[in-house]
Protein backbone atom coordinates (compact mmCIF):
# COMPACT_ATOMS: atom_id res chain seq x y z
CA MET A 1 9.59 -11.53 -48.53
CA THR A 2 8.27 -13.60 -51.40
CA ALA A 3 6.47 -16.33 -49.45
CA GLY A 4 4.87 -16.78 -46.09
CA GLY A 5 3.50 -13.23 -45.87
CA ARG A 6 0.23 -12.78 -43.97
CA ILE A 7 -2.49 -11.41 -46.26
CA LEU A 8 -6.09 -10.42 -45.52
CA VAL A 9 -8.51 -10.16 -48.47
CA VAL A 10 -11.51 -7.90 -47.82
CA ASP A 11 -14.38 -8.02 -50.33
CA ASP A 12 -18.13 -8.37 -49.88
CA GLU A 13 -18.44 -10.48 -53.05
CA LEU A 14 -17.83 -14.08 -52.02
CA ASN A 15 -16.75 -15.28 -55.49
CA ILE A 16 -14.11 -12.56 -55.92
CA ARG A 17 -12.87 -12.99 -52.35
CA GLY A 18 -12.64 -16.76 -52.72
CA ALA A 19 -10.81 -16.52 -56.05
CA LEU A 20 -8.22 -14.12 -54.65
CA VAL A 21 -7.67 -16.27 -51.57
CA THR A 22 -7.15 -19.37 -53.73
CA LEU A 23 -4.79 -17.55 -56.09
CA LEU A 24 -2.65 -16.26 -53.21
CA GLU A 25 -2.61 -19.60 -51.37
CA LYS A 26 -1.08 -21.19 -54.48
CA LYS A 27 1.83 -18.77 -54.04
CA GLU A 28 2.30 -20.08 -50.47
CA TYR A 29 1.06 -16.97 -48.70
CA GLN A 30 -0.89 -17.18 -45.43
CA VAL A 31 -4.27 -15.87 -46.55
CA ARG A 32 -7.55 -15.09 -44.79
CA GLY A 33 -10.74 -13.51 -46.03
CA ALA A 34 -13.26 -11.04 -44.59
CA GLY A 35 -16.66 -10.09 -46.03
CA SER A 36 -16.71 -6.53 -44.70
CA ALA A 37 -14.50 -3.79 -43.32
CA GLU A 38 -15.99 -4.31 -39.88
CA GLU A 39 -15.12 -8.02 -39.94
CA ALA A 40 -11.62 -7.21 -41.19
CA LEU A 41 -10.94 -4.79 -38.32
CA GLU A 42 -12.13 -7.41 -35.84
CA GLN A 43 -9.80 -10.01 -37.35
CA LEU A 44 -6.85 -7.63 -37.29
CA GLU A 45 -7.32 -7.09 -33.56
CA THR A 46 -6.36 -10.72 -32.93
CA THR A 47 -4.35 -11.69 -36.03
CA PRO A 48 -2.12 -9.04 -37.64
CA ALA A 49 -1.54 -8.93 -41.40
CA ASP A 50 1.44 -7.81 -43.45
CA LEU A 51 -0.76 -6.90 -46.42
CA VAL A 52 -4.48 -6.09 -46.77
CA LEU A 53 -6.26 -6.26 -50.13
CA THR A 54 -9.56 -4.39 -49.99
CA ASP A 55 -12.37 -3.41 -52.30
CA LEU A 56 -13.29 0.27 -52.14
CA LYS A 57 -17.03 -0.14 -52.57
CA MET A 58 -18.59 -2.26 -49.83
CA PRO A 59 -21.82 -2.05 -47.83
CA GLY A 60 -21.49 -0.65 -44.34
CA MET A 61 -18.08 0.91 -43.79
CA GLY A 62 -16.61 1.97 -47.13
CA GLY A 63 -13.11 1.26 -48.36
CA MET A 64 -11.77 4.78 -47.72
CA GLU A 65 -12.97 4.85 -44.11
CA PHE A 66 -11.59 1.33 -43.64
CA LEU A 67 -8.22 2.44 -45.04
CA ARG A 68 -8.14 5.44 -42.68
CA ARG A 69 -8.86 3.35 -39.59
CA LEU A 70 -6.51 0.55 -40.64
CA LYS A 71 -3.58 2.96 -41.15
CA GLN A 72 -4.37 4.68 -37.87
CA GLN A 73 -4.19 1.45 -35.87
CA TRP A 74 -1.65 -0.54 -37.93
CA PRO A 75 0.45 2.03 -39.81
CA ASP A 76 3.05 -0.54 -40.95
CA THR A 77 0.51 -2.81 -42.68
CA GLU A 78 0.62 -2.38 -46.45
CA VAL A 79 -2.67 -1.94 -48.35
CA LEU A 80 -3.64 -2.70 -51.95
CA VAL A 81 -7.03 -1.39 -53.07
CA ILE A 82 -9.17 -3.18 -55.64
CA THR A 83 -11.31 -1.01 -57.85
CA ALA A 84 -13.20 -0.99 -61.15
CA PHE A 85 -11.38 0.45 -64.15
CA GLY A 86 -13.63 3.51 -64.16
CA SER A 87 -12.82 4.44 -60.54
CA ILE A 88 -9.08 5.01 -60.82
CA ASP A 89 -9.44 8.54 -59.39
CA THR A 90 -10.73 7.00 -56.17
CA ALA A 91 -7.83 4.55 -56.13
CA VAL A 92 -5.34 7.41 -56.50
CA GLU A 93 -7.04 9.14 -53.58
CA ALA A 94 -6.62 5.93 -51.58
CA MET A 95 -2.89 5.95 -52.34
CA ARG A 96 -2.69 9.47 -50.97
CA GLY A 97 -4.35 8.07 -47.85
CA GLY A 98 -1.62 5.46 -47.38
CA ALA A 99 -2.40 2.61 -49.78
CA TYR A 100 0.66 1.14 -51.49
CA ASP A 101 -0.96 0.61 -54.92
CA TYR A 102 -4.21 -0.37 -56.63
CA ILE A 103 -5.47 -3.26 -58.74
CA THR A 104 -8.23 -2.81 -61.32
CA LYS A 105 -10.98 -5.26 -62.18
CA PRO A 106 -10.84 -7.51 -64.09
CA ILE A 107 -7.60 -8.55 -62.41
CA ASP A 108 -4.47 -9.11 -64.49
CA ARG A 109 -2.93 -12.13 -62.71
CA GLU A 110 0.63 -11.41 -63.76
CA ARG A 111 0.58 -7.78 -62.61
CA PHE A 112 -1.35 -8.80 -59.51
CA GLY A 113 1.39 -11.23 -58.46
CA VAL A 114 4.15 -8.66 -59.01
CA VAL A 115 2.36 -5.91 -57.04
CA VAL A 116 1.60 -8.23 -54.12
CA GLU A 117 5.21 -9.38 -53.97
CA LYS A 118 6.55 -5.81 -54.06
CA ALA A 119 4.13 -4.70 -51.34
CA LEU A 120 5.27 -7.53 -49.07
CA GLU A 121 8.93 -6.76 -49.80
CA ARG A 122 8.34 -3.16 -48.77
CA ARG A 123 6.63 -4.33 -45.59
CA ALA A 124 9.54 -6.67 -44.78
CA LEU A 125 12.12 -3.95 -45.44
CA ALA A 126 10.28 -1.46 -43.23
CA PHE A 127 10.04 -4.06 -40.47
CA GLU A 128 13.77 -4.86 -40.66
CA ASN A 129 14.69 -1.18 -40.67
CA ARG A 130 12.54 -0.52 -37.63
CA GLN A 131 14.05 -3.47 -35.77
CA LEU A 132 17.55 -2.24 -36.58
CA LYS A 133 16.68 1.28 -35.45
CA ASP A 134 15.16 -0.02 -32.23
CA ARG A 135 18.25 -2.08 -31.52
CA LEU A 136 20.62 0.79 -32.22
CA GLU A 137 18.60 3.15 -30.03
CA THR A 138 18.56 0.61 -27.23
CA ARG A 139 22.30 -0.01 -27.47
CA THR A 140 23.34 3.64 -27.53
CA ARG A 141 20.91 5.03 -24.99
CA PHE A 142 22.53 3.23 -22.09
CA GLU A 143 25.99 2.40 -23.38
CA GLN A 144 26.17 -1.38 -23.89
CA MET A 145 22.91 -2.17 -22.13
CA ILE A 146 20.52 -4.08 -24.41
CA GLY A 147 16.87 -4.75 -23.73
CA GLN A 148 13.39 -3.57 -24.57
CA SER A 149 11.49 -5.70 -22.06
CA GLU A 150 9.31 -4.10 -19.40
CA PRO A 151 11.70 -5.03 -16.53
CA MET A 152 14.60 -3.30 -18.30
CA GLN A 153 12.48 -0.26 -19.11
CA GLY A 154 12.00 0.05 -15.34
CA VAL A 155 15.78 -0.08 -14.84
CA TYR A 156 16.30 2.59 -17.52
CA GLY A 157 13.75 4.82 -15.82
CA LEU A 158 15.53 4.57 -12.47
CA VAL A 159 18.90 5.26 -14.11
CA ASP A 160 17.46 8.39 -15.67
CA MET A 161 16.10 9.55 -12.32
CA VAL A 162 19.29 9.08 -10.29
CA ALA A 163 22.02 9.82 -12.84
CA ASP A 164 22.18 13.61 -12.41
CA SER A 165 22.20 13.50 -8.63
CA ASP A 166 24.99 12.40 -6.28
CA VAL A 167 22.74 10.03 -4.36
CA THR A 168 24.26 6.68 -3.36
CA VAL A 169 22.84 3.80 -5.41
CA LEU A 170 22.68 0.12 -4.48
CA LEU A 171 22.49 -2.29 -7.43
CA THR A 172 21.10 -5.70 -6.53
CA GLY A 173 20.54 -8.81 -8.56
CA GLU A 174 21.88 -12.24 -9.37
CA SER A 175 25.41 -12.73 -10.66
CA GLY A 176 25.69 -12.01 -14.37
CA THR A 177 22.76 -9.60 -14.65
CA GLY A 178 24.92 -6.63 -15.74
CA LYS A 179 25.33 -4.56 -12.59
CA GLU A 180 28.59 -2.99 -13.75
CA LEU A 181 26.97 -1.90 -17.04
CA VAL A 182 24.22 -0.16 -15.07
CA ALA A 183 26.81 1.55 -12.87
CA ARG A 184 28.66 2.77 -15.96
CA ALA A 185 25.40 4.03 -17.45
CA ILE A 186 24.70 6.02 -14.27
CA HIS A 187 28.18 7.52 -14.43
CA HIS A 188 28.15 8.36 -18.13
CA ARG A 189 24.72 10.01 -17.91
CA SER A 190 25.72 12.11 -14.90
CA GLN A 191 27.50 15.44 -14.55
CA ARG A 192 30.56 13.42 -13.51
CA SER A 193 30.84 11.75 -16.92
CA ASN A 194 34.14 13.54 -17.67
CA GLY A 195 35.56 12.25 -14.39
CA PRO A 196 36.98 8.77 -13.72
CA PHE A 197 34.95 5.60 -13.29
CA VAL A 198 36.78 3.29 -10.89
CA THR A 199 35.82 -0.20 -9.71
CA LEU A 200 36.82 -2.22 -6.67
CA ASN A 201 35.81 -5.86 -6.30
CA CYS A 202 35.35 -6.25 -2.55
CA GLY A 203 34.89 -10.01 -2.80
CA ALA A 204 38.35 -10.51 -4.30
CA LEU A 205 40.20 -8.69 -1.48
CA PRO A 206 41.35 -10.19 1.82
CA GLU A 207 40.56 -8.00 4.84
CA ASN A 208 44.17 -6.90 5.36
CA LEU A 209 44.37 -5.47 1.81
CA PHE A 210 41.02 -3.69 1.70
CA GLU A 211 42.17 -0.57 3.53
CA SER A 212 45.27 -0.09 1.36
CA GLU A 213 43.29 -0.67 -1.86
CA LEU A 214 40.48 1.70 -0.88
CA PHE A 215 42.50 4.47 0.81
CA GLY A 216 46.00 4.00 -0.59
CA TYR A 217 49.24 4.12 1.41
CA GLU A 218 52.37 6.17 2.02
CA LYS A 219 55.90 5.04 1.31
CA GLY A 220 57.16 2.91 4.20
CA ALA A 221 53.67 2.17 5.58
CA PHE A 222 54.52 -1.53 5.52
CA THR A 223 57.14 -3.89 4.15
CA GLY A 224 57.14 -3.57 0.38
CA ALA A 225 55.57 -0.08 0.31
CA THR A 226 58.44 1.53 -1.60
CA THR A 227 56.36 4.38 -3.09
CA ASN A 228 53.17 6.28 -2.38
CA LYS A 229 50.04 4.73 -3.86
CA LEU A 230 46.64 6.35 -4.35
CA GLY A 231 43.63 4.31 -3.26
CA ARG A 232 40.48 3.75 -5.33
CA PHE A 233 38.58 6.40 -3.37
CA GLU A 234 41.12 9.04 -4.31
CA LEU A 235 41.50 7.80 -7.89
CA ALA A 236 37.74 8.28 -8.33
CA ASP A 237 37.78 11.87 -7.07
CA GLY A 238 35.39 13.91 -9.22
CA GLY A 239 33.90 10.72 -10.63
CA THR A 240 32.24 7.49 -9.57
CA LEU A 241 33.47 4.54 -7.51
CA LEU A 242 31.74 1.18 -7.98
CA LEU A 243 32.13 -1.12 -5.00
CA ASP A 244 31.26 -4.49 -6.48
CA GLU A 245 30.29 -7.42 -4.24
CA VAL A 246 29.99 -5.00 -1.32
CA GLY A 247 28.15 -7.68 0.63
CA GLU A 248 31.41 -9.61 1.01
CA LEU A 249 33.10 -6.90 3.14
CA SER A 250 34.24 -8.00 6.58
CA LEU A 251 32.70 -6.24 9.58
CA LYS A 252 35.96 -4.37 10.23
CA SER A 253 36.13 -3.19 6.61
CA GLN A 254 32.49 -2.11 6.85
CA VAL A 255 33.35 0.15 9.79
CA ASP A 256 36.28 1.71 7.91
CA PHE A 257 34.20 2.28 4.81
CA LEU A 258 31.18 3.70 6.67
CA ARG A 259 33.33 6.36 8.32
CA VAL A 260 34.67 7.56 4.96
CA LEU A 261 31.25 7.36 3.34
CA GLU A 262 29.89 9.75 5.96
CA THR A 263 32.78 12.25 6.08
CA LYS A 264 34.27 11.95 2.54
CA GLU A 265 37.71 12.21 4.10
CA PHE A 266 40.38 9.72 5.18
CA ARG A 267 44.09 9.15 5.77
CA ARG A 268 46.21 6.97 3.55
CA LEU A 269 47.66 3.93 5.30
CA GLY A 270 50.78 5.10 7.15
CA GLY A 271 49.98 8.76 6.50
CA THR A 272 48.95 11.66 8.76
CA LYS A 273 47.46 14.06 6.22
CA ILE A 274 43.66 14.11 5.85
CA VAL A 275 42.59 13.60 2.25
CA LYS A 276 39.22 15.00 1.14
CA VAL A 277 37.49 13.60 -1.94
CA ASP A 278 34.37 14.27 -3.98
CA THR A 279 33.49 10.74 -5.04
CA ARG A 280 30.09 9.29 -5.82
CA ILE A 281 29.46 5.77 -4.53
CA VAL A 282 27.58 3.08 -6.41
CA ALA A 283 27.52 -0.30 -4.65
CA ALA A 284 26.56 -3.66 -6.11
CA THR A 285 25.81 -7.04 -4.60
CA ASN A 286 24.20 -10.36 -5.42
CA ARG A 287 23.49 -10.98 -1.72
CA ASN A 288 20.30 -10.11 0.10
CA LEU A 289 21.75 -7.44 2.39
CA ASN A 290 18.54 -7.13 4.37
CA GLU A 291 18.90 -10.78 5.37
CA ALA A 292 22.63 -10.27 6.01
CA VAL A 293 21.76 -7.47 8.44
CA LYS A 294 19.36 -9.78 10.30
CA ASP A 295 22.06 -12.46 10.45
CA GLY A 296 24.60 -9.98 11.85
CA ASP A 297 26.87 -10.24 8.79
CA PHE A 298 26.29 -6.69 7.56
CA ARG A 299 26.04 -3.45 9.52
CA GLU A 300 22.55 -1.96 9.53
CA ASP A 301 23.84 1.63 9.48
CA LEU A 302 26.00 0.93 6.43
CA TYR A 303 23.12 -0.84 4.70
CA TYR A 304 20.88 2.20 5.02
CA ARG A 305 23.69 4.50 3.87
CA LEU A 306 24.13 2.43 0.71
CA ASN A 307 20.48 1.67 0.07
CA VAL A 308 19.38 5.28 -0.56
CA VAL A 309 18.13 4.37 -4.05
CA PRO A 310 17.99 0.64 -4.75
CA ILE A 311 17.95 -0.54 -8.37
CA PRO A 312 17.10 -4.26 -8.61
CA LEU A 313 18.25 -5.91 -11.83
CA PRO A 314 15.94 -8.60 -13.24
CA PRO A 315 17.34 -12.06 -13.97
CA LEU A 316 17.45 -13.07 -17.63
CA ARG A 317 14.63 -15.61 -17.16
CA GLU A 318 12.31 -12.63 -16.54
CA ARG A 319 13.55 -10.88 -19.70
CA GLY A 320 12.50 -13.39 -22.34
CA ASP A 321 11.69 -10.66 -24.85
CA ASP A 322 15.33 -9.47 -24.69
CA ILE A 323 16.94 -12.85 -25.39
CA PRO A 324 16.71 -12.58 -29.23
CA LEU A 325 18.30 -9.10 -29.10
CA LEU A 326 21.07 -10.24 -26.76
CA ALA A 327 21.76 -13.43 -28.71
CA ASP A 328 21.94 -11.46 -31.97
CA ARG A 329 24.30 -8.90 -30.43
CA PHE A 330 26.66 -11.55 -29.02
CA MET A 331 26.52 -13.60 -32.24
CA ASN A 332 27.61 -10.58 -34.31
CA GLU A 333 30.25 -9.58 -31.76
CA PHE A 334 31.96 -12.97 -31.63
CA SER A 335 31.60 -13.65 -35.36
CA ALA A 336 33.59 -10.47 -36.02
CA GLN A 337 36.06 -11.15 -33.21
CA HIS A 338 36.84 -14.71 -34.38
CA HIS A 339 36.51 -13.95 -38.12
CA ARG A 340 33.63 -16.39 -38.63
CA ASP A 341 30.47 -16.10 -40.73
CA THR A 342 27.46 -14.92 -38.75
CA LYS A 343 25.12 -17.83 -38.15
CA GLU A 344 21.33 -17.79 -38.15
CA ILE A 345 19.50 -19.00 -35.04
CA SER A 346 16.51 -21.13 -36.01
CA ARG A 347 13.08 -20.45 -34.54
CA ALA A 348 13.13 -23.77 -32.68
CA THR A 349 16.50 -22.90 -31.16
CA MET A 350 15.37 -19.44 -30.14
CA ARG A 351 12.29 -20.96 -28.53
CA LEU A 352 14.55 -23.15 -26.33
CA LEU A 353 16.74 -20.18 -25.45
CA ARG A 354 13.65 -18.29 -24.30
CA LEU A 355 12.39 -21.24 -22.25
CA TYR A 356 15.69 -21.90 -20.46
CA ALA A 357 16.05 -20.53 -16.90
CA TRP A 358 19.62 -19.09 -17.39
CA PRO A 359 21.06 -19.48 -13.87
CA GLY A 360 24.19 -17.63 -15.08
CA ASN A 361 22.08 -14.88 -16.65
CA ILE A 362 23.54 -12.65 -19.40
CA ARG A 363 27.10 -13.83 -18.78
CA GLN A 364 26.01 -17.42 -19.45
CA LEU A 365 24.19 -16.47 -22.67
CA ARG A 366 27.20 -14.49 -23.87
CA ASN A 367 29.56 -17.41 -23.25
CA LEU A 368 27.18 -19.78 -25.05
CA MET A 369 27.06 -17.56 -28.14
CA GLU A 370 30.86 -17.47 -28.30
CA ARG A 371 30.97 -21.25 -27.99
CA LEU A 372 28.43 -21.68 -30.82
CA VAL A 373 30.28 -19.25 -33.10
CA ILE A 374 33.48 -21.28 -32.70
CA THR A 375 32.17 -24.86 -32.64
CA VAL A 376 29.20 -24.89 -35.03
CA LYS A 377 30.13 -25.20 -38.71
CA ASP A 378 26.58 -25.20 -40.07
CA PRO A 379 25.07 -21.87 -41.22
CA VAL A 380 22.01 -22.34 -38.98
CA ILE A 381 22.14 -23.12 -35.27
CA GLU A 382 19.62 -25.86 -34.51
CA PRO A 383 18.46 -27.24 -31.13
CA TYR A 384 20.87 -30.20 -31.31
CA HIS A 385 23.79 -27.74 -31.28
CA LEU A 386 22.79 -26.53 -27.82
CA PRO A 387 24.06 -27.98 -24.51
CA GLU A 388 21.92 -30.78 -23.08
CA GLU A 389 20.65 -28.69 -20.18
CA ILE A 390 19.20 -26.13 -22.60
CA GLN A 391 17.73 -28.79 -24.87
CA ALA A 392 16.03 -30.21 -21.78
CA SER A 393 14.20 -26.91 -21.30
CA ARG A 394 11.56 -28.11 -23.77
CA GLU A 395 10.57 -30.71 -21.17
CA ASP A 396 10.61 -28.00 -18.49
CA ALA A 397 8.51 -25.58 -20.57
CA ARG A 398 5.50 -25.91 -18.30
CA THR A 399 7.58 -25.19 -15.19
CA MET A 400 8.28 -21.62 -14.16
CA VAL A 401 10.80 -20.60 -11.51
CA VAL A 402 9.50 -17.81 -9.27
CA THR A 403 12.08 -15.76 -7.40
CA LEU A 404 11.12 -14.96 -3.82
CA GLY A 405 10.17 -11.30 -3.68
CA SER A 406 8.96 -11.10 -7.30
CA THR A 407 5.91 -8.91 -7.74
CA LEU A 408 2.60 -10.48 -8.77
CA LYS A 409 2.73 -8.35 -11.91
CA ALA A 410 6.15 -9.76 -12.86
CA ILE A 411 4.99 -13.32 -12.20
CA GLU A 412 1.83 -12.86 -14.29
CA ARG A 413 3.78 -11.29 -17.13
CA GLU A 414 6.30 -14.13 -17.18
CA ALA A 415 3.53 -16.76 -17.07
CA ILE A 416 1.85 -15.16 -20.10
CA ARG A 417 5.13 -14.82 -21.99
CA ARG A 418 6.17 -18.43 -21.40
CA THR A 419 2.72 -19.73 -22.32
CA LEU A 420 2.75 -17.78 -25.60
CA THR A 421 6.21 -19.15 -26.35
CA GLU A 422 5.04 -22.70 -25.63
CA VAL A 423 2.09 -22.47 -28.05
CA THR A 424 4.06 -20.53 -30.70
CA ASN A 425 2.11 -17.33 -30.03
CA HIS A 426 -1.29 -18.92 -30.69
CA ARG A 427 -3.36 -16.57 -28.56
CA GLU A 428 -6.50 -18.70 -28.40
CA LYS A 429 -4.53 -21.70 -27.11
CA ALA A 430 -2.62 -19.51 -24.66
CA ALA A 431 -5.82 -18.01 -23.26
CA LYS A 432 -7.27 -21.51 -22.77
CA LEU A 433 -4.14 -22.75 -20.95
CA LEU A 434 -4.09 -19.66 -18.72
CA GLY A 435 -7.80 -19.98 -17.93
CA ILE A 436 -8.70 -16.48 -19.11
CA SER A 437 -10.68 -15.05 -22.01
CA LEU A 438 -9.01 -14.11 -25.29
CA ARG A 439 -9.98 -10.47 -24.70
CA ALA A 440 -8.36 -10.52 -21.24
CA LEU A 441 -5.20 -12.05 -22.69
CA GLN A 442 -5.01 -9.41 -25.41
CA TYR A 443 -5.38 -6.70 -22.79
CA LYS A 444 -2.57 -8.21 -20.68
CA ILE A 445 -0.26 -8.54 -23.70
CA LYS A 446 -0.76 -4.85 -24.45
CA GLU A 447 -0.49 -3.81 -20.79
CA TYR A 448 2.79 -5.65 -20.22
CA GLY A 449 4.26 -4.80 -23.63
CA ILE A 450 4.87 -8.47 -24.46
CA ARG A 451 6.47 -8.92 -27.86
CA GLU A 452 5.43 -12.00 -29.82
């Protein structure tokens, strides 16, 4: 990090402060000045800094107290202290308190430039390491599930609560939101993790095949049944059975399934022996089953049996903070798979990805990343590489799609996130567009855990 670092110079002497600001600006750093520790802390509340240069002797709050409070609130910000040659002992004490290094007056410009650059490099390295650690923790905690956004934290919390029980779980959400990954996470974090995890896509089965697929059949049960076959229910004994697209079951199949769900026993097709199983059920659907019950398409008794613990999965458009993590993951995955160099995604491109509504959710983003890995020859992916419908999202930036049933909290959070993205995280502009005070916006950003 040799240029572009954010630096705050804190010194009560205007001439020294101005000279340092000018010197650093010539090196293309983003530099601000503050005349006191109190003013510096106020500035840091709204505009973070990568590096703070501070005098130790100032009226009001002294440099040591300022260092203590700064490190308490912003532990990753690097600090260089400026001191007179005769006060080196104090500077050493400051380094014990968390300062990176010290600069003595009069300032040696050559050494000054080297120390500033090294401090910013350390800050950048620490930031990258923390990001990598966060990503690794996120990826391993729930298998392949990726996301640090507030909506996904809610999903993780529910998974933790239900995993160790045998309660039936109903996963709801739009197509492509990762319902099978959540089901696998529930299984792998449960006491059944050593047992099988079996899936059955109810939407892909005609009614006359559902019973044989779910319960299995005996030899001779029908034409072509030349051997015995275990059904998915039996195959999942001691483990977990995911019934995907459960909302597509016919009414007859719903009756058959409800009976087994209640008794945990059944007969294979063409058989007479009762088979007992210990299988946990996780169901998933992209349909609104409550509405399907009202329309007479889904049995009410089955709905309540499945909906013991509902876990709604948020659409990708409500997980804007997770898009950079997901895009990075898919980019690395497909670069390795297709033996291509990993490409960088420009800030302008990432902004469009965060603004786009993603009707196909994570599946759509994943497919796009594979397409870009294969078709883009440039080292950096720019907006013009994206499909036209995603490029058009810059015109739709001021439009937000609200899903019926979304909580007011989720809507407010998404409105704030999209507004910050639109104004490139300029908080004052965002507050003005949202019609709230800067202080209120800062509170909301912290409350919702919005990452800028």
